Each structure stands twice: as structure tokens, then as C-alpha cells.
C-alpha atoms as a PDB file:
ATOM      1  CA  MET A   1       0.000   0.000   0.000  1.00  0.00           C
ATOM      2  CA  LEU A   2       1.375   3.392  -1.011  1.00  0.00           C
ATOM      3  CA  THR A   3       2.156   5.851   1.775  1.00  0.00           C
ATOM      4  CA  PRO A   4       0.001   8.971   1.337  1.00  0.00           C
ATOM      5  CA  ARG A   5       1.814  12.221   0.707  1.00  0.00           C
ATOM      6  CA  ARG A   6       0.924  15.844   1.181  1.00  0.00           C
ATOM      7  CA  ASP A   7      -0.332  16.129  -2.361  1.00  0.00           C
ATOM      8  CA  ILE A   8      -3.163  18.670  -1.999  1.00  0.00           C
ATOM      9  CA  ILE A   9      -2.034  22.291  -1.783  1.00  0.00           C
ATOM     10  CA  VAL A  10      -4.643  25.001  -1.262  1.00  0.00           C
ATOM     11  CA  ILE A  11      -3.528  28.605  -1.625  1.00  0.00           C
ATOM     12  CA  GLY A  12      -5.332  31.803  -0.673  1.00  0.00           C
ATOM     13  CA  ALA A  13      -4.234  35.244  -1.808  1.00  0.00           C
ATOM     14  CA  SER A  14      -5.620  38.724  -2.291  1.00  0.00           C
ATOM     15  CA  SER A  15      -3.920  42.077  -2.823  1.00  0.00           C
ATOM     16  CA  GLY A  16      -0.305  41.566  -3.810  1.00  0.00           C
ATOM     17  CA  GLY A  17      -0.672  37.815  -4.334  1.00  0.00           C
ATOM     18  CA  VAL A  18      -0.458  37.526  -8.115  1.00  0.00           C
ATOM     19  CA  PRO A  19       3.308  38.204  -8.456  1.00  0.00           C
ATOM     20  CA  LEU A  20       4.014  35.500  -5.857  1.00  0.00           C
ATOM     21  CA  MET A  21       1.886  32.962  -7.677  1.00  0.00           C
ATOM     22  CA  LEU A  22       3.514  33.703 -11.026  1.00  0.00           C
ATOM     23  CA  ASP A  23       6.977  33.311  -9.504  1.00  0.00           C
ATOM     24  CA  MET A  24       5.813  30.084  -7.888  1.00  0.00           C
ATOM     25  CA  ALA A  25       4.491  28.706 -11.180  1.00  0.00           C
ATOM     26  CA  ALA A  26       7.766  29.542 -12.911  1.00  0.00           C
ATOM     27  CA  ALA A  27       9.840  27.726 -10.279  1.00  0.00           C
ATOM     28  CA  LEU A  28       7.771  24.560  -9.784  1.00  0.00           C
ATOM     29  CA  PRO A  29       9.244  21.365 -11.239  1.00  0.00           C
ATOM     30  CA  VAL A  30       7.453  19.494 -14.029  1.00  0.00           C
ATOM     31  CA  PRO A  31       5.568  17.374 -13.349  1.00  0.00           C
ATOM     32  CA  PHE A  32       4.738  18.753  -9.938  1.00  0.00           C
ATOM     33  CA  PRO A  33       3.784  15.906  -7.577  1.00  0.00           C
ATOM     34  CA  ALA A  34       0.820  17.678  -5.947  1.00  0.00           C
ATOM     35  CA  SER A  35      -2.410  19.367  -6.992  1.00  0.00           C
ATOM     36  CA  ILE A  36      -2.729  23.098  -6.380  1.00  0.00           C
ATOM     37  CA  LEU A  37      -6.100  24.766  -5.794  1.00  0.00           C
ATOM     38  CA  LEU A  38      -5.910  28.514  -5.700  1.00  0.00           C
ATOM     39  CA  VAL A  39      -8.291  31.280  -4.605  1.00  0.00           C
ATOM     40  CA  GLN A  40      -7.463  34.854  -5.534  1.00  0.00           C
ATOM     41  CA  HIS A  41      -9.959  37.480  -4.361  1.00  0.00           C
ATOM     42  CA  ILE A  42     -11.380  38.675  -7.684  1.00  0.00           C
ATOM     43  CA  GLY A  43     -15.113  38.957  -7.013  1.00  0.00           C
ATOM     44  CA  THR A  44     -17.029  39.149 -10.271  1.00  0.00           C
ATOM     45  CA  HIS A  45     -14.132  40.568 -12.285  1.00  0.00           C
ATOM     46  CA  GLU A  46     -12.807  38.672 -15.278  1.00  0.00           C
ATOM     47  CA  SER A  47      -9.749  36.594 -14.442  1.00  0.00           C
ATOM     48  CA  VAL A  48      -6.830  35.753 -16.740  1.00  0.00           C
ATOM     49  CA  LEU A  49      -4.808  34.211 -13.929  1.00  0.00           C
ATOM     50  CA  PRO A  50      -4.760  30.668 -15.422  1.00  0.00           C
ATOM     51  CA  GLU A  51      -3.322  32.050 -18.660  1.00  0.00           C
ATOM     52  CA  LEU A  52      -0.682  34.015 -16.747  1.00  0.00           C
ATOM     53  CA  LEU A  53       0.245  30.911 -14.738  1.00  0.00           C
ATOM     54  CA  ARG A  54       0.598  28.854 -17.922  1.00  0.00           C
ATOM     55  CA  ARG A  55       2.840  31.506 -19.453  1.00  0.00           C
ATOM     56  CA  SER A  56       4.984  31.663 -16.329  1.00  0.00           C
ATOM     57  CA  GLY A  57       5.371  27.928 -15.729  1.00  0.00           C
ATOM     58  CA  ARG A  58       5.033  24.566 -17.440  1.00  0.00           C
ATOM     59  CA  ASN A  59       2.403  22.861 -15.286  1.00  0.00           C
ATOM     60  CA  PRO A  60      -1.155  23.087 -16.658  1.00  0.00           C
ATOM     61  CA  ALA A  61      -3.342  25.791 -15.093  1.00  0.00           C
ATOM     62  CA  MET A  62      -7.060  26.296 -15.634  1.00  0.00           C
ATOM     63  CA  HIS A  63     -10.227  27.723 -14.158  1.00  0.00           C
ATOM     64  CA  ALA A  64     -11.897  25.020 -12.090  1.00  0.00           C
ATOM     65  CA  ARG A  65     -15.157  23.393 -13.185  1.00  0.00           C
ATOM     66  CA  SER A  66     -17.636  21.468 -11.089  1.00  0.00           C
ATOM     67  CA  GLY A  67     -17.059  17.734 -11.301  1.00  0.00           C
ATOM     68  CA  LEU A  68     -13.395  17.931 -12.284  1.00  0.00           C
ATOM     69  CA  SER A  69     -11.268  15.211 -10.729  1.00  0.00           C
ATOM     70  CA  ILE A  70      -8.278  16.658  -8.886  1.00  0.00           C
ATOM     71  CA  GLU A  71      -5.084  15.568 -10.621  1.00  0.00           C
ATOM     72  CA  PRO A  72      -1.429  15.970  -9.576  1.00  0.00           C
ATOM     73  CA  GLY A  73       0.573  18.579 -11.421  1.00  0.00           C
ATOM     74  CA  HIS A  74      -2.470  20.733 -12.191  1.00  0.00           C
ATOM     75  CA  ILE A  75      -3.219  24.231 -10.916  1.00  0.00           C
ATOM     76  CA  TYR A  76      -6.935  24.916 -10.444  1.00  0.00           C
ATOM     77  CA  VAL A  77      -8.034  28.547 -10.075  1.00  0.00           C
ATOM     78  CA  ALA A  78     -11.409  29.527  -8.593  1.00  0.00           C
ATOM     79  CA  PRO A  79     -13.399  31.289 -11.346  1.00  0.00           C
ATOM     80  CA  PRO A  80     -15.007  34.689 -10.813  1.00  0.00           C
ATOM     81  CA  ASP A  81     -18.012  34.851  -8.479  1.00  0.00           C
ATOM     82  CA  HIS A  82     -17.819  31.168  -7.460  1.00  0.00           C
ATOM     83  CA  HIS A  83     -16.628  29.470  -4.311  1.00  0.00           C
ATOM     84  CA  MET A  84     -14.380  26.504  -5.064  1.00  0.00           C
ATOM     85  CA  LEU A  85     -14.769  23.482  -2.767  1.00  0.00           C
ATOM     86  CA  VAL A  86     -13.192  20.048  -2.526  1.00  0.00           C
ATOM     87  CA  VAL A  87     -15.761  17.258  -2.216  1.00  0.00           C
ATOM     88  CA  GLY A  88     -14.161  13.830  -2.152  1.00  0.00           C
ATOM     89  CA  ASN A  89     -11.603  13.886  -4.964  1.00  0.00           C
ATOM     90  CA  GLU A  90     -13.588  16.346  -7.064  1.00  0.00           C
ATOM     91  CA  ILE A  91     -14.033  20.078  -7.343  1.00  0.00           C
ATOM     92  CA  ARG A  92     -17.419  21.613  -6.595  1.00  0.00           C
ATOM     93  CA  LEU A  93     -18.262  25.188  -7.572  1.00  0.00           C
ATOM     94  CA  THR A  94     -21.066  27.041  -5.811  1.00  0.00           C
ATOM     95  CA  ARG A  95     -22.618  30.477  -5.787  1.00  0.00           C
ATOM     96  CA  GLU A  96     -23.621  30.233  -2.150  1.00  0.00           C
ATOM     97  CA  ALA A  97     -23.513  33.440  -0.099  1.00  0.00           C
ATOM     98  CA  LYS A  98     -20.290  35.390   0.204  1.00  0.00           C
ATOM     99  CA  GLU A  99     -17.883  34.603   3.028  1.00  0.00           C
ATOM    100  CA  ASN A 100     -15.804  37.425   4.424  1.00  0.00           C
ATOM    101  CA  HIS A 101     -17.667  39.638   1.968  1.00  0.00           C
ATOM    102  CA  THR A 102     -16.110  37.924  -1.053  1.00  0.00           C
ATOM    103  CA  ARG A 103     -16.848  35.181  -3.549  1.00  0.00           C
ATOM    104  CA  PRO A 104     -14.648  33.279  -4.212  1.00  0.00           C
ATOM    105  CA  ALA A 105     -13.430  33.142  -0.615  1.00  0.00           C
ATOM    106  CA  ILE A 106     -10.477  31.302   0.872  1.00  0.00           C
ATOM    107  CA  ASP A 107     -12.039  29.823   4.010  1.00  0.00           C
ATOM    108  CA  PRO A 108     -14.612  27.615   2.192  1.00  0.00           C
ATOM    109  CA  LEU A 109     -11.888  26.039   0.039  1.00  0.00           C
ATOM    110  CA  PHE A 110      -9.560  25.417   2.972  1.00  0.00           C
ATOM    111  CA  ARG A 111     -12.336  24.005   5.153  1.00  0.00           C
ATOM    112  CA  SER A 112     -13.587  21.656   2.442  1.00  0.00           C
ATOM    113  CA  ALA A 113     -10.089  20.427   1.609  1.00  0.00           C
ATOM    114  CA  ALA A 114      -9.392  19.750   5.291  1.00  0.00           C
ATOM    115  CA  ILE A 115     -12.550  17.655   5.631  1.00  0.00           C
ATOM    116  CA  SER A 116     -12.076  15.792   2.346  1.00  0.00           C
ATOM    117  CA  MET A 117      -8.316  15.226   2.404  1.00  0.00           C
ATOM    118  CA  GLY A 118      -7.222  15.458   6.047  1.00  0.00           C
ATOM    119  CA  PRO A 119      -3.453  15.401   6.645  1.00  0.00           C
ATOM    120  CA  ARG A 120      -2.706  15.342   2.910  1.00  0.00           C
ATOM    121  CA  VAL A 121      -3.473  19.076   2.767  1.00  0.00           C
ATOM    122  CA  ILE A 122      -0.998  21.945   2.804  1.00  0.00           C
ATOM    123  CA  GLY A 123      -2.705  25.297   3.345  1.00  0.00           C
ATOM    124  CA  VAL A 124      -0.942  28.474   2.193  1.00  0.00           C
ATOM    125  CA  VAL A 125      -1.930  32.040   3.103  1.00  0.00           C
ATOM    126  CA  LEU A 126      -0.281  34.760   1.037  1.00  0.00           C
ATOM    127  CA  SER A 127      -0.479  38.544   0.772  1.00  0.00           C
ATOM    128  CA  GLY A 128      -3.876  40.156   1.293  1.00  0.00           C
ATOM    129  CA  ARG A 129      -5.953  42.555   3.351  1.00  0.00           C
ATOM    130  CA  LEU A 130      -8.161  41.665   6.334  1.00  0.00           C
ATOM    131  CA  ASP A 131      -8.146  38.025   7.503  1.00  0.00           C
ATOM    132  CA  ASP A 132      -9.772  35.597   5.077  1.00  0.00           C
ATOM    133  CA  GLY A 133      -7.878  32.292   5.300  1.00  0.00           C
ATOM    134  CA  THR A 134      -7.257  32.277   9.047  1.00  0.00           C
ATOM    135  CA  ALA A 135     -10.284  30.146   9.976  1.00  0.00           C
ATOM    136  CA  GLY A 136      -9.643  27.883   6.997  1.00  0.00           C
ATOM    137  CA  LEU A 137      -6.041  27.372   8.010  1.00  0.00           C
ATOM    138  CA  GLN A 138      -7.210  26.488  11.523  1.00  0.00           C
ATOM    139  CA  ALA A 139      -9.477  23.836   9.952  1.00  0.00           C
ATOM    140  CA  ILE A 140      -6.553  22.372   8.012  1.00  0.00           C
ATOM    141  CA  LYS A 141      -4.469  22.142  11.170  1.00  0.00           C
ATOM    142  CA  ALA A 142      -7.370  20.526  13.064  1.00  0.00           C
ATOM    143  CA  CYS A 143      -7.482  17.773  10.424  1.00  0.00           C
ATOM    144  CA  GLY A 144      -3.736  17.115  10.489  1.00  0.00           C
ATOM    145  CA  GLY A 145      -2.589  19.288   7.588  1.00  0.00           C
ATOM    146  CA  LEU A 146       0.244  21.783   7.397  1.00  0.00           C
ATOM    147  CA  ALA A 147       0.022  25.576   7.633  1.00  0.00           C
ATOM    148  CA  VAL A 148       2.310  27.663   5.425  1.00  0.00           C
ATOM    149  CA  VAL A 149       2.220  31.455   5.685  1.00  0.00           C
ATOM    150  CA  GLN A 150       4.048  34.219   3.886  1.00  0.00           C
ATOM    151  CA  GLU A 151       6.261  36.279   6.158  1.00  0.00           C
ATOM    152  CA  PRO A 152       4.153  39.385   6.866  1.00  0.00           C
ATOM    153  CA  THR A 153       7.192  41.616   6.316  1.00  0.00           C
ATOM    154  CA  ASP A 154       7.588  40.074   2.838  1.00  0.00           C
ATOM    155  CA  ALA A 155       3.943  40.648   1.848  1.00  0.00           C
ATOM    156  CA  GLU A 156       2.698  43.649  -0.090  1.00  0.00           C
ATOM    157  CA  ALA A 157      -0.491  43.496   2.004  1.00  0.00           C
ATOM    158  CA  PRO A 158       0.484  41.898   5.340  1.00  0.00           C
ATOM    159  CA  ASP A 159      -2.969  41.642   6.996  1.00  0.00           C
ATOM    160  CA  MET A 160      -3.858  38.081   5.974  1.00  0.00           C
ATOM    161  CA  PRO A 161      -0.431  36.596   6.803  1.00  0.00           C
ATOM    162  CA  ALA A 162      -0.321  38.527  10.078  1.00  0.00           C
ATOM    163  CA  SER A 163      -3.755  37.257  11.112  1.00  0.00           C
ATOM    164  CA  ALA A 164      -2.808  33.686  10.280  1.00  0.00           C
ATOM    165  CA  SER A 165       0.436  34.059  12.221  1.00  0.00           C
ATOM    166  CA  ALA A 166      -1.408  35.379  15.276  1.00  0.00           C
ATOM    167  CA  ASN A 167      -4.105  32.691  15.334  1.00  0.00           C
ATOM    168  CA  VAL A 168      -2.628  29.510  13.819  1.00  0.00           C
ATOM    169  CA  ALA A 169       0.297  27.285  14.798  1.00  0.00           C
ATOM    170  CA  VAL A 170       2.203  27.911  11.576  1.00  0.00           C
ATOM    171  CA  ASP A 171       4.485  25.111  10.383  1.00  0.00           C
ATOM    172  CA  HIS A 172       6.481  27.019   7.771  1.00  0.00           C
ATOM    173  CA  TYR A 173       7.005  30.636   6.811  1.00  0.00           C
ATOM    174  CA  VAL A 174       7.880  31.514   3.227  1.00  0.00           C
ATOM    175  CA  THR A 175       8.867  34.515   1.157  1.00  0.00           C
ATOM    176  CA  ARG A 176       8.318  35.248  -2.492  1.00  0.00           C
ATOM    177  CA  ALA A 177      11.738  33.724  -3.148  1.00  0.00           C
ATOM    178  CA  THR A 178      11.214  30.508  -1.138  1.00  0.00           C
ATOM    179  CA  LEU A 179       7.554  29.676  -1.763  1.00  0.00           C
ATOM    180  CA  ALA A 180       8.030  27.256  -4.681  1.00  0.00           C
ATOM    181  CA  ALA A 181      10.980  25.434  -3.130  1.00  0.00           C
ATOM    182  CA  THR A 182       9.156  25.000   0.173  1.00  0.00           C
ATOM    183  CA  LEU A 183       6.032  23.586  -1.475  1.00  0.00           C
ATOM    184  CA  THR A 184       8.114  21.259  -3.649  1.00  0.00           C
ATOM    185  CA  ARG A 185       9.854  19.878  -0.585  1.00  0.00           C
ATOM    186  CA  LEU A 186       6.688  19.505   1.478  1.00  0.00           C
ATOM    187  CA  ALA A 187       4.779  17.845  -1.369  1.00  0.00           C
ATOM    188  CA  ASP A 188       7.355  15.071  -1.393  1.00  0.00           C
ATOM    189  CA  GLU A 189       6.995  14.317   2.323  1.00  0.00           C
ATOM    190  CA  PRO A 190       4.972  11.280   3.414  1.00  0.00           C
ATOM    191  CA  VAL A 191       2.076  11.788   5.795  1.00  0.00           C
ATOM    192  CA  SER A 192       3.238  10.473   9.132  1.00  0.00           C
ATOM    193  CA  ILE A 193       0.034  10.895  11.132  1.00  0.00           C
ATOM    194  CA  PRO A 194      -3.243   8.987  10.880  1.00  0.00           C
ATOM    195  CA  ARG A 195      -6.314  10.647   9.486  1.00  0.00           C
ATOM    196  CA  VAL A 196      -8.689  11.964  12.141  1.00  0.00           C
ATOM    197  CA  ALA A 197     -12.367  12.786  11.859  1.00  0.00           C
ATOM    198  CA  ALA A 198     -13.129  16.447  11.289  1.00  0.00           C
ATOM    199  CA  PRO A 199     -14.779  18.188  14.257  1.00  0.00           C
ATOM    200  CA  PRO A 200     -18.602  18.136  13.960  1.00  0.00           C
ATOM    201  CA  GLU A 201     -18.767  21.939  14.022  1.00  0.00           C
ATOM    202  CA  MET A 202     -16.464  22.119  11.021  1.00  0.00           C
ATOM    203  CA  VAL A 203     -18.562  19.580   9.142  1.00  0.00           C
ATOM    204  CA  ARG A 204     -21.683  21.642   9.805  1.00  0.00           C
ATOM    205  CA  GLU A 205     -20.009  24.746   8.377  1.00  0.00           C
ATOM    206  CA  PHE A 206     -18.985  22.712   5.336  1.00  0.00           C
ATOM    207  CA  GLN A 207     -22.598  21.632   4.899  1.00  0.00           C
ATOM    208  CA  LEU A 208     -23.682  25.265   5.138  1.00  0.00           C
ATOM    209  CA  SER A 209     -21.211  26.091   2.345  1.00  0.00           C
ATOM    210  CA  LEU A 210     -22.877  23.399   0.239  1.00  0.00           C
ATOM    211  CA  GLY A 211     -26.365  24.623   1.092  1.00  0.00           C
ATOM    212  CA  GLU A 212     -27.187  21.326   2.794  1.00  0.00           C
ATOM    213  CA  GLY A 213     -29.430  20.804   5.814  1.00  0.00           C
ATOM    214  CA  ASN A 214     -31.608  23.221   7.734  1.00  0.00           C
ATOM    215  CA  PRO A 215     -29.522  26.387   8.182  1.00  0.00           C
ATOM    216  CA  MET A 216     -31.235  27.433  11.412  1.00  0.00           C
ATOM    217  CA  GLU A 217     -30.600  24.043  13.009  1.00  0.00           C
ATOM    218  CA  GLN A 218     -27.006  24.005  11.769  1.00  0.00           C
ATOM    219  CA  LEU A 219     -26.359  27.464  13.176  1.00  0.00           C
ATOM    220  CA  ASP A 220     -27.978  26.676  16.526  1.00  0.00           C
ATOM    221  CA  ALA A 221     -25.635  23.686  16.797  1.00  0.00           C
ATOM    222  CA  ILE A 222     -22.460  25.720  16.242  1.00  0.00           C
ATOM    223  CA  GLY A 223     -23.315  29.158  17.616  1.00  0.00           C
ATOM    224  CA  ARG A 224     -25.771  31.456  19.286  1.00  0.00           C
ATOM    225  CA  PRO A 225     -27.767  34.403  17.933  1.00  0.00           C
ATOM    226  CA  SER A 226     -26.016  37.702  18.488  1.00  0.00           C
ATOM    227  CA  LYS A 227     -27.401  41.222  18.692  1.00  0.00           C
ATOM    228  CA  ILE A 228     -25.791  42.083  15.347  1.00  0.00           C
ATOM    229  CA  THR A 229     -27.491  41.907  11.963  1.00  0.00           C
ATOM    230  CA  CYS A 230     -25.885  40.795   8.721  1.00  0.00           C
ATOM    231  CA  PRO A 231     -24.736  43.842   6.708  1.00  0.00           C
ATOM    232  CA  ASP A 232     -25.456  42.017   3.450  1.00  0.00           C
ATOM    233  CA  CYS A 233     -28.996  40.715   4.075  1.00  0.00           C
ATOM    234  CA  SER A 234     -30.053  42.253   7.443  1.00  0.00           C
ATOM    235  CA  GLY A 235     -30.693  38.827   8.984  1.00  0.00           C
ATOM    236  CA  VAL A 236     -29.600  37.841  12.484  1.00  0.00           C
ATOM    237  CA  LEU A 237     -25.963  36.820  12.815  1.00  0.00           C
ATOM    238  CA  TRP A 238     -25.005  33.788  14.897  1.00  0.00           C
ATOM    239  CA  GLU A 239     -21.693  34.075  16.739  1.00  0.00           C
ATOM    240  CA  ILE A 240     -19.745  30.854  16.204  1.00  0.00           C
ATOM    241  CA  ARG A 241     -18.790  29.251  19.520  1.00  0.00           C
ATOM    242  CA  ASN A 242     -15.116  28.778  20.438  1.00  0.00           C
ATOM    243  CA  SER A 243     -13.909  30.687  17.399  1.00  0.00           C
ATOM    244  CA  HIS A 244     -10.738  32.748  17.696  1.00  0.00           C
ATOM    245  CA  PRO A 245     -10.834  35.333  16.281  1.00  0.00           C
ATOM    246  CA  PRO A 246     -14.631  35.632  16.632  1.00  0.00           C
ATOM    247  CA  ARG A 247     -16.691  34.703  13.562  1.00  0.00           C
ATOM    248  CA  TYR A 248     -20.328  35.138  12.580  1.00  0.00           C
ATOM    249  CA  ARG A 249     -22.824  33.512  10.186  1.00  0.00           C
ATOM    250  CA  CYS A 250     -26.371  34.290   9.110  1.00  0.00           C
ATOM    251  CA  HIS A 251     -28.993  31.769   8.010  1.00  0.00           C
ATOM    252  CA  THR A 252     -28.771  32.832   4.353  1.00  0.00           C
ATOM    253  CA  GLY A 253     -25.101  31.819   4.326  1.00  0.00           C
ATOM    254  CA  HIS A 254     -23.090  35.013   4.740  1.00  0.00           C
ATOM    255  CA  ALA A 255     -20.084  34.537   7.007  1.00  0.00           C
ATOM    256  CA  TYR A 256     -17.654  37.012   8.534  1.00  0.00           C
ATOM    257  CA  THR A 257     -14.694  37.198  10.791  1.00  0.00           C
ATOM    258  CA  GLN A 258     -15.057  39.981  13.332  1.00  0.00           C
ATOM    259  CA  GLN A 259     -12.559  42.099  11.407  1.00  0.00           C
ATOM    260  CA  THR A 260     -14.329  41.609   8.087  1.00  0.00           C
ATOM    261  CA  LEU A 261     -17.690  42.306   9.741  1.00  0.00           C
ATOM    262  CA  GLU A 262     -16.391  45.611  11.111  1.00  0.00           C
ATOM    263  CA  HIS A 263     -14.993  46.537   7.691  1.00  0.00           C
ATOM    264  CA  THR A 264     -18.248  45.632   5.921  1.00  0.00           C
ATOM    265  CA  GLN A 265     -20.342  47.480   8.505  1.00  0.00           C
ATOM    266  CA  GLY A 266     -18.154  50.543   7.980  1.00  0.00           C
ATOM    267  CA  THR A 267     -18.734  50.393   4.240  1.00  0.00           C
ATOM    268  CA  ARG A 268     -22.486  49.971   4.691  1.00  0.00           C
ATOM    269  CA  THR A 269     -22.601  52.829   7.230  1.00  0.00           C
ATOM    270  CA  ASP A 270     -20.764  55.106   4.823  1.00  0.00           C
ATOM    271  CA  GLU A 271     -23.189  54.172   2.042  1.00  0.00           C
ATOM    272  CA  ALA A 272     -26.151  54.837   4.344  1.00  0.00           C
ATOM    273  CA  LEU A 273     -24.828  58.275   5.279  1.00  0.00           C
ATOM    274  CA  TRP A 274     -24.369  59.256   1.643  1.00  0.00           C
ATOM    275  CA  SER A 275     -27.876  57.986   0.856  1.00  0.00           C
ATOM    276  CA  ALA A 276     -29.270  60.022   3.737  1.00  0.00           C
ATOM    277  CA  LEU A 277     -27.452  63.134   2.510  1.00  0.00           C
ATOM    278  CA  ARG A 278     -28.803  62.598  -1.013  1.00  0.00           C
ATOM    279  CA  ALA A 279     -32.354  62.186   0.360  1.00  0.00           C
ATOM    280  CA  LEU A 280     -32.115  65.388   2.423  1.00  0.00           C
ATOM    281  CA  GLN A 281     -30.787  67.403  -0.513  1.00  0.00           C
ATOM    282  CA  GLU A 282     -33.441  66.032  -2.864  1.00  0.00           C
ATOM    283  CA  ARG A 283     -36.193  66.826  -0.365  1.00  0.00           C
ATOM    284  CA  GLU A 284     -34.856  70.373   0.072  1.00  0.00           C
ATOM    285  CA  ALA A 285     -34.922  70.857  -3.714  1.00  0.00           C
ATOM    286  CA  LEU A 286     -38.467  69.484  -3.990  1.00  0.00           C
ATOM    287  CA  LEU A 287     -39.787  71.636  -1.132  1.00  0.00           C
ATOM    288  CA  SER A 288     -38.143  74.739  -2.611  1.00  0.00           C
ATOM    289  CA  SER A 289     -39.712  74.012  -5.986  1.00  0.00           C
ATOM    290  CA  MET A 290     -43.127  73.514  -4.408  1.00  0.00           C
ATOM    291  CA  ALA A 291     -42.736  76.751  -2.448  1.00  0.00           C
ATOM    292  CA  GLY A 292     -41.943  78.604  -5.666  1.00  0.00           C
ATOM    293  CA  ALA A 293     -45.083  77.227  -7.282  1.00  0.00           C
ATOM    294  CA  CYS A 294     -47.142  78.389  -4.297  1.00  0.00           C
ATOM    295  CA  ARG A 295     -45.712  81.916  -4.590  1.00  0.00           C
ATOM    296  CA  GLU A 296     -46.653  82.009  -8.268  1.00  0.00           C
ATOM    297  CA  ARG A 297     -50.286  81.326  -7.379  1.00  0.00           C
ATOM    298  CA  SER A 298     -50.158  83.787  -4.433  1.00  0.00           C
ATOM    299  CA  ASP A 299     -50.428  81.155  -1.710  1.00  0.00           C
ATOM    300  CA  ALA A 300     -47.969  82.878   0.630  1.00  0.00           C
ATOM    301  CA  HIS A 301     -48.928  80.900   3.733  1.00  0.00           C
ATOM    302  CA  GLU A 302     -48.202  77.501   2.134  1.00  0.00           C
ATOM    303  CA  ALA A 303     -45.061  78.883   0.471  1.00  0.00           C
ATOM    304  CA  GLU A 304     -43.688  79.996   3.852  1.00  0.00           C
ATOM    305  CA  ARG A 305     -44.436  76.592   5.379  1.00  0.00           C
ATOM    306  CA  LEU A 306     -42.647  74.786   2.541  1.00  0.00           C
ATOM    307  CA  GLU A 307     -39.701  77.205   2.611  1.00  0.00           C
ATOM    308  CA  ALA A 308     -39.301  76.681   6.370  1.00  0.00           C
ATOM    309  CA  GLU A 309     -39.311  72.917   5.837  1.00  0.00           C
ATOM    310  CA  ALA A 310     -36.736  73.307   3.045  1.00  0.00           C
ATOM    311  CA  VAL A 311     -34.487  75.303   5.392  1.00  0.00           C
ATOM    312  CA  HIS A 312     -34.923  72.551   7.964  1.00  0.00           C
ATOM    313  CA  MET A 313     -33.763  69.941   5.401  1.00  0.00           C
ATOM    314  CA  LYS A 314     -30.799  72.096   4.408  1.00  0.00           C
ATOM    315  CA  THR A 315     -29.757  72.479   8.048  1.00  0.00           C
ATOM    316  CA  HIS A 316     -29.868  68.711   8.558  1.00  0.00           C
ATOM    317  CA  ALA A 317     -27.887  68.161   5.350  1.00  0.00           C
ATOM    318  CA  LEU A 318     -25.172  70.601   6.464  1.00  0.00           C
ATOM    319  CA  GLN A 319     -24.981  68.935   9.882  1.00  0.00           C
ATOM    320  CA  LEU A 320     -24.659  65.530   8.243  1.00  0.00           C
ATOM    321  CA  GLN A 321     -21.930  66.809   5.916  1.00  0.00           C
ATOM    322  CA  ARG A 322     -19.964  68.076   8.907  1.00  0.00           C
ATOM    323  CA  ILE A 323     -20.304  64.703  10.648  1.00  0.00           C
ATOM    324  CA  MET A 324     -19.113  62.883   7.511  1.00  0.00           C
ATOM    325  CA  ALA A 325     -16.176  65.280   7.232  1.00  0.00           C
ATOM    326  CA  GLY A 326     -15.227  64.546  10.840  1.00  0.00           C
ATOM    327  CA  GLU A 327     -15.766  68.090  12.004  1.00  0.00           C
END
């Protein structure tokens, strides 16, 4: 019986990650003994990353498709606006709710690979903002896999590596110059520990990523309702128990780390303030126009009432502008 090796490499990157991945592709041997599944935060934007990886290196690179069998020596890239998951030995693409305010997200891939492949998995967190990848890397470690993190001082955007470093027992640190060599060495190592069952809470989150089961029951089993609403759908957020850093999920599927939740709330608050300012200014303009029409038909009493209300709207708008300007 063949000894299993660490032949599944999952990589998460965001801002500043593309140059690292191109350098990695150029330096990997051919054929590379492991499969690489890669999430770059691209949202709905068109991605030419597979083409760039093929130009840089000699191992085949492609956008993933649902149902593809995972083969050694191939680089699979999550396509725009789809989460990429590992289910058994196949790739599954979904358009389930965003995690950490992005789709594709890193945590769903890492979590699914940990559950499906156990200690065969090497998880890699590269340059990026905020902290997507930290919870996923914790899942990989819980299932016996290895955690590889870019040195924060080497990253263009150090947030993601720094978060992983602070919250995960990292096995290896890499730089742009050592990433490919480190992965090549680790992919050739035999797995020396037995496979262990994934924690039930992790399995439930995996099922939520697949849209399986009753979401309310799943969430009640892994968390408790908080007093915070989801900034994407306004539903109640459940705080996941025993999660460090704290994480949240809603029943429609959105998931956040505390840091990403704060960032998303800030964006939504800013949008709400601008919408409120627009509404006040539009109402002032409408009231002023109505007042003018009243003056034309000699209805001075109604014109004065509307003009006073317009002044009231203008005062509120100016106050709101000062608040937004930090005055």
C-alpha cells in the first residue's frame, strides 16, 4: 500500500498575491507531484490568472469546473463569483452566499479540503488585506494538515499573513523567493500521522457552504444568535462558539470574521450616510420648488411653510456633511 503524501495544496491570496503565484508557477518542477487549488480574491471581475500561470510555468493551469477530478501537477483557479470546494476527490463550484464579503473566498476552500483530504493538505496564506484564510487554516491544522504562511514583512499586504500568524500554529514561513521550493519539498513528504475525523462543528459549516441541511438548526448547533445583523442581508448573525478570532454567520449563508464584519459594517454605514445626505438634498430641492409654485399662485402661507421645511432639510444636510467630514 502506497504511503500517502501531502499532495493537496490550497492557496489563498488577495492584494499583492499575483506576483508571488507567477513566480511560484515559474519555479515549480514538471511534473509537480501535488495538486494546487488557488483562490485569488477577484469577485465578479474577469480573471486571466490561469493564462498568466501557464505563461509563467510549465504545469497546466485552468479555471476550475464542477465535477473535475483533482489531478497531480495541475493548478486549479477559482473562477469569478464562485466558491471553489473540494468534495471527495472532485471540485465543486457554488454560488452560495459570500464569506468574508467575497466570492470566491479562501475559508470555504480550505475548510472543504481539510474535511475531504485530512493530513494530505498543505494550506498556504499569502499577501492580502483583512483576515480571510485564518479560519480555513485552523481547519486544516485541526485535520492534520500543514500551515504555510508568507512572512508578513515580505507581503505587499500583510494583513492576511499577520492574522494567520497570530491565530494559527504555523508550520512554515515563506517569502516570495522561497515559496516554490518549500512547497516542492513539502509535497514530497509522506504523511506520518493517521487521518482523524473532522470536528462536527467544522462539518456543519462545510454543509452550510454546500447549502445542505436546515440552516437554522445548523447554526444553533455551532453558535448562538447575536445582537448584530448581517450587513449584506439584514438577517440575524449567529456568533460561532469557540472561534478565535470571533466569527459570525447568518442563516442565508453570509459569514464574517469579526474584522471583516467591522470593515463591511463601515462600508455599509458610509453608504447609508451618503444615501441620507442625497435624500435630504433632494427633499430640500423638492420643497423649494413647491414653495416657488405656491408663490406664483399667491399662496404665501403655504409657500412659507414649505420654505421653512426646506431650510430645515438644508440644516440637517449641512450637519450631516460636517459629521461625515469629521468636524
